[in-house]
Amino acid sequence: MKVLASILALGLLAAPALAATKSFKDVSVVDVKCSSKVAANPDAHTRSCALMCEKSGYGVITADKKFLKFDADGNAKIAQQLKDSKETDHLRVDVKGDVQGDTLKVESIKLL
């Protein structure tokens, strides 16, 4: 029983190591609410719509058309950058973070 508990404890400690840090360059950023609607043409998604849907959160559509939503810190960072931007559409970012399932724990993000 103690052996099983030790193995489980080691597995829990190793779990964070399974998160993969990735960098995504020049990918489309969209809000969660509109992500499925704009997946075919995310560059047409407007900044004004993204800001209206801010409460739903944000994420990126990767080159393979997968949507990764941002963690709370990533949402706060990109929301401020969107507010400060003069871009109207074609919202692209360079972002780096740990992929955990369908969520990207954002380390750094820059609106292009």
C-alpha atoms as a PDB file:
ATOM      1  CA  MET A   1       0.000   0.000   0.000  1.00  0.00           C
ATOM      2  CA  LYS A   2       2.848   2.373   0.849  1.00  0.00           C
ATOM      3  CA  VAL A   3       4.483   1.569  -2.480  1.00  0.00           C
ATOM      4  CA  LEU A   4       1.312   2.465  -4.354  1.00  0.00           C
ATOM      5  CA  ALA A   5       0.998   5.722  -2.420  1.00  0.00           C
ATOM      6  CA  SER A   6       4.623   6.568  -3.218  1.00  0.00           C
ATOM      7  CA  ILE A   7       4.119   5.871  -6.928  1.00  0.00           C
ATOM      8  CA  LEU A   8       0.996   8.052  -6.984  1.00  0.00           C
ATOM      9  CA  ALA A   9       2.802  10.874  -5.183  1.00  0.00           C
ATOM     10  CA  LEU A  10       5.660  10.749  -7.683  1.00  0.00           C
ATOM     11  CA  GLY A  11       3.159  10.814 -10.529  1.00  0.00           C
ATOM     12  CA  LEU A  12       1.542  13.966  -9.135  1.00  0.00           C
ATOM     13  CA  LEU A  13       4.927  15.650  -8.816  1.00  0.00           C
ATOM     14  CA  ALA A  14       5.805  14.738 -12.391  1.00  0.00           C
ATOM     15  CA  ALA A  15       2.497  15.968 -13.849  1.00  0.00           C
ATOM     16  CA  PRO A  16       3.602  19.623 -14.231  1.00  0.00           C
ATOM     17  CA  ALA A  17       6.586  18.400 -16.226  1.00  0.00           C
ATOM     18  CA  LEU A  18       4.159  16.970 -18.774  1.00  0.00           C
ATOM     19  CA  ALA A  19       2.984  20.460 -19.719  1.00  0.00           C
ATOM     20  CA  ALA A  20       4.713  21.419 -22.945  1.00  0.00           C
ATOM     21  CA  THR A  21       6.073  24.946 -23.342  1.00  0.00           C
ATOM     22  CA  LYS A  22       5.397  26.069 -26.881  1.00  0.00           C
ATOM     23  CA  SER A  23       5.813  29.182 -28.930  1.00  0.00           C
ATOM     24  CA  PHE A  24       3.259  30.216 -31.517  1.00  0.00           C
ATOM     25  CA  LYS A  25       4.320  32.855 -34.029  1.00  0.00           C
ATOM     26  CA  ASP A  26       1.962  35.074 -36.014  1.00  0.00           C
ATOM     27  CA  VAL A  27      -1.245  33.228 -35.018  1.00  0.00           C
ATOM     28  CA  SER A  28      -4.763  34.645 -34.918  1.00  0.00           C
ATOM     29  CA  VAL A  29      -6.150  35.730 -31.565  1.00  0.00           C
ATOM     30  CA  VAL A  30      -9.928  35.611 -31.097  1.00  0.00           C
ATOM     31  CA  ASP A  31     -12.372  35.619 -28.228  1.00  0.00           C
ATOM     32  CA  VAL A  32     -13.761  32.295 -26.998  1.00  0.00           C
ATOM     33  CA  LYS A  33     -17.361  33.247 -27.855  1.00  0.00           C
ATOM     34  CA  CYS A  34     -16.558  33.752 -31.553  1.00  0.00           C
ATOM     35  CA  SER A  35     -13.829  31.118 -31.934  1.00  0.00           C
ATOM     36  CA  SER A  36     -15.967  28.519 -33.687  1.00  0.00           C
ATOM     37  CA  LYS A  37     -17.725  31.094 -35.900  1.00  0.00           C
ATOM     38  CA  VAL A  38     -14.494  32.620 -37.193  1.00  0.00           C
ATOM     39  CA  ALA A  39     -12.312  29.513 -37.370  1.00  0.00           C
ATOM     40  CA  ALA A  40     -12.436  29.428 -41.183  1.00  0.00           C
ATOM     41  CA  ASN A  41     -11.289  33.058 -41.495  1.00  0.00           C
ATOM     42  CA  PRO A  42     -10.008  34.356 -38.146  1.00  0.00           C
ATOM     43  CA  ASP A  43      -8.255  37.350 -39.743  1.00  0.00           C
ATOM     44  CA  ALA A  44     -11.653  38.860 -40.539  1.00  0.00           C
ATOM     45  CA  HIS A  45     -12.578  38.890 -36.837  1.00  0.00           C
ATOM     46  CA  THR A  46     -12.614  42.490 -35.656  1.00  0.00           C
ATOM     47  CA  ARG A  47     -10.995  44.109 -32.649  1.00  0.00           C
ATOM     48  CA  SER A  48     -14.316  45.721 -31.711  1.00  0.00           C
ATOM     49  CA  CYS A  49     -16.008  42.306 -31.578  1.00  0.00           C
ATOM     50  CA  ALA A  50     -13.115  40.851 -29.576  1.00  0.00           C
ATOM     51  CA  LEU A  51     -13.435  43.671 -27.057  1.00  0.00           C
ATOM     52  CA  MET A  52     -17.237  43.280 -26.836  1.00  0.00           C
ATOM     53  CA  CYS A  53     -16.760  39.581 -26.078  1.00  0.00           C
ATOM     54  CA  GLU A  54     -13.888  40.129 -23.609  1.00  0.00           C
ATOM     55  CA  LYS A  55     -15.715  38.393 -20.748  1.00  0.00           C
ATOM     56  CA  SER A  56     -15.684  35.092 -22.661  1.00  0.00           C
ATOM     57  CA  GLY A  57     -11.869  35.124 -22.664  1.00  0.00           C
ATOM     58  CA  TYR A  58      -9.384  34.807 -25.513  1.00  0.00           C
ATOM     59  CA  GLY A  59      -7.250  32.258 -27.253  1.00  0.00           C
ATOM     60  CA  VAL A  60      -5.423  31.485 -30.474  1.00  0.00           C
ATOM     61  CA  ILE A  61      -6.273  29.480 -33.541  1.00  0.00           C
ATOM     62  CA  THR A  62      -3.164  27.491 -34.369  1.00  0.00           C
ATOM     63  CA  ALA A  63      -1.878  26.625 -37.838  1.00  0.00           C
ATOM     64  CA  ASP A  64      -3.611  23.238 -37.571  1.00  0.00           C
ATOM     65  CA  LYS A  65      -6.935  25.034 -36.787  1.00  0.00           C
ATOM     66  CA  LYS A  66      -6.927  24.032 -33.118  1.00  0.00           C
ATOM     67  CA  PHE A  67      -8.237  26.598 -30.623  1.00  0.00           C
ATOM     68  CA  LEU A  68      -6.230  27.051 -27.428  1.00  0.00           C
ATOM     69  CA  LYS A  69      -7.847  29.274 -24.827  1.00  0.00           C
ATOM     70  CA  PHE A  70      -5.723  31.476 -22.572  1.00  0.00           C
ATOM     71  CA  ASP A  71      -5.456  31.281 -18.818  1.00  0.00           C
ATOM     72  CA  ALA A  72      -6.616  34.284 -16.731  1.00  0.00           C
ATOM     73  CA  ASP A  73      -3.219  35.999 -16.893  1.00  0.00           C
ATOM     74  CA  GLY A  74      -3.074  35.620 -20.672  1.00  0.00           C
ATOM     75  CA  ASN A  75      -6.597  37.014 -20.984  1.00  0.00           C
ATOM     76  CA  ALA A  76      -5.657  40.089 -18.960  1.00  0.00           C
ATOM     77  CA  LYS A  77      -2.484  40.684 -20.994  1.00  0.00           C
ATOM     78  CA  ILE A  78      -4.120  40.424 -24.405  1.00  0.00           C
ATOM     79  CA  ALA A  79      -7.203  42.407 -23.355  1.00  0.00           C
ATOM     80  CA  GLN A  80      -4.997  45.358 -22.467  1.00  0.00           C
ATOM     81  CA  GLN A  81      -3.030  45.058 -25.705  1.00  0.00           C
ATOM     82  CA  LEU A  82      -6.260  44.957 -27.715  1.00  0.00           C
ATOM     83  CA  LYS A  83      -7.533  48.067 -25.922  1.00  0.00           C
ATOM     84  CA  ASP A  84      -4.277  49.893 -26.679  1.00  0.00           C
ATOM     85  CA  SER A  85      -4.154  48.781 -30.331  1.00  0.00           C
ATOM     86  CA  LYS A  86      -5.376  50.684 -33.363  1.00  0.00           C
ATOM     87  CA  GLU A  87      -5.702  47.511 -35.488  1.00  0.00           C
ATOM     88  CA  THR A  88      -9.246  46.861 -36.662  1.00  0.00           C
ATOM     89  CA  ASP A  89      -8.880  43.230 -37.811  1.00  0.00           C
ATOM     90  CA  HIS A  90      -6.195  40.692 -38.749  1.00  0.00           C
ATOM     91  CA  LEU A  91      -5.393  40.308 -35.043  1.00  0.00           C
ATOM     92  CA  ARG A  92      -2.191  38.311 -34.787  1.00  0.00           C
ATOM     93  CA  VAL A  93       0.081  37.511 -31.861  1.00  0.00           C
ATOM     94  CA  ASP A  94       3.323  35.865 -30.922  1.00  0.00           C
ATOM     95  CA  VAL A  95       2.651  33.898 -27.755  1.00  0.00           C
ATOM     96  CA  LYS A  96       4.620  31.499 -25.571  1.00  0.00           C
ATOM     97  CA  GLY A  97       3.350  29.304 -22.766  1.00  0.00           C
ATOM     98  CA  ASP A  98       2.592  25.886 -21.366  1.00  0.00           C
ATOM     99  CA  VAL A  99      -0.084  23.883 -23.155  1.00  0.00           C
ATOM    100  CA  GLN A 100      -2.296  22.081 -20.650  1.00  0.00           C
ATOM    101  CA  GLY A 101      -5.056  20.267 -22.503  1.00  0.00           C
ATOM    102  CA  ASP A 102      -6.928  22.922 -24.481  1.00  0.00           C
ATOM    103  CA  THR A 103      -5.557  25.812 -22.405  1.00  0.00           C
ATOM    104  CA  LEU A 104      -2.408  27.865 -22.923  1.00  0.00           C
ATOM    105  CA  LYS A 105      -0.867  29.136 -19.684  1.00  0.00           C
ATOM    106  CA  VAL A 106       0.605  32.315 -21.160  1.00  0.00           C
ATOM    107  CA  GLU A 107       4.176  33.280 -20.281  1.00  0.00           C
ATOM    108  CA  SER A 108       4.460  36.060 -22.834  1.00  0.00           C
ATOM    109  CA  ILE A 109       2.257  37.526 -25.542  1.00  0.00           C
ATOM    110  CA  LYS A 110       2.675  40.323 -28.054  1.00  0.00           C
ATOM    111  CA  LEU A 111      -0.002  41.673 -30.358  1.00  0.00           C
ATOM    112  CA  LEU A 112       1.575  42.163 -33.778  1.00  0.00           C
END
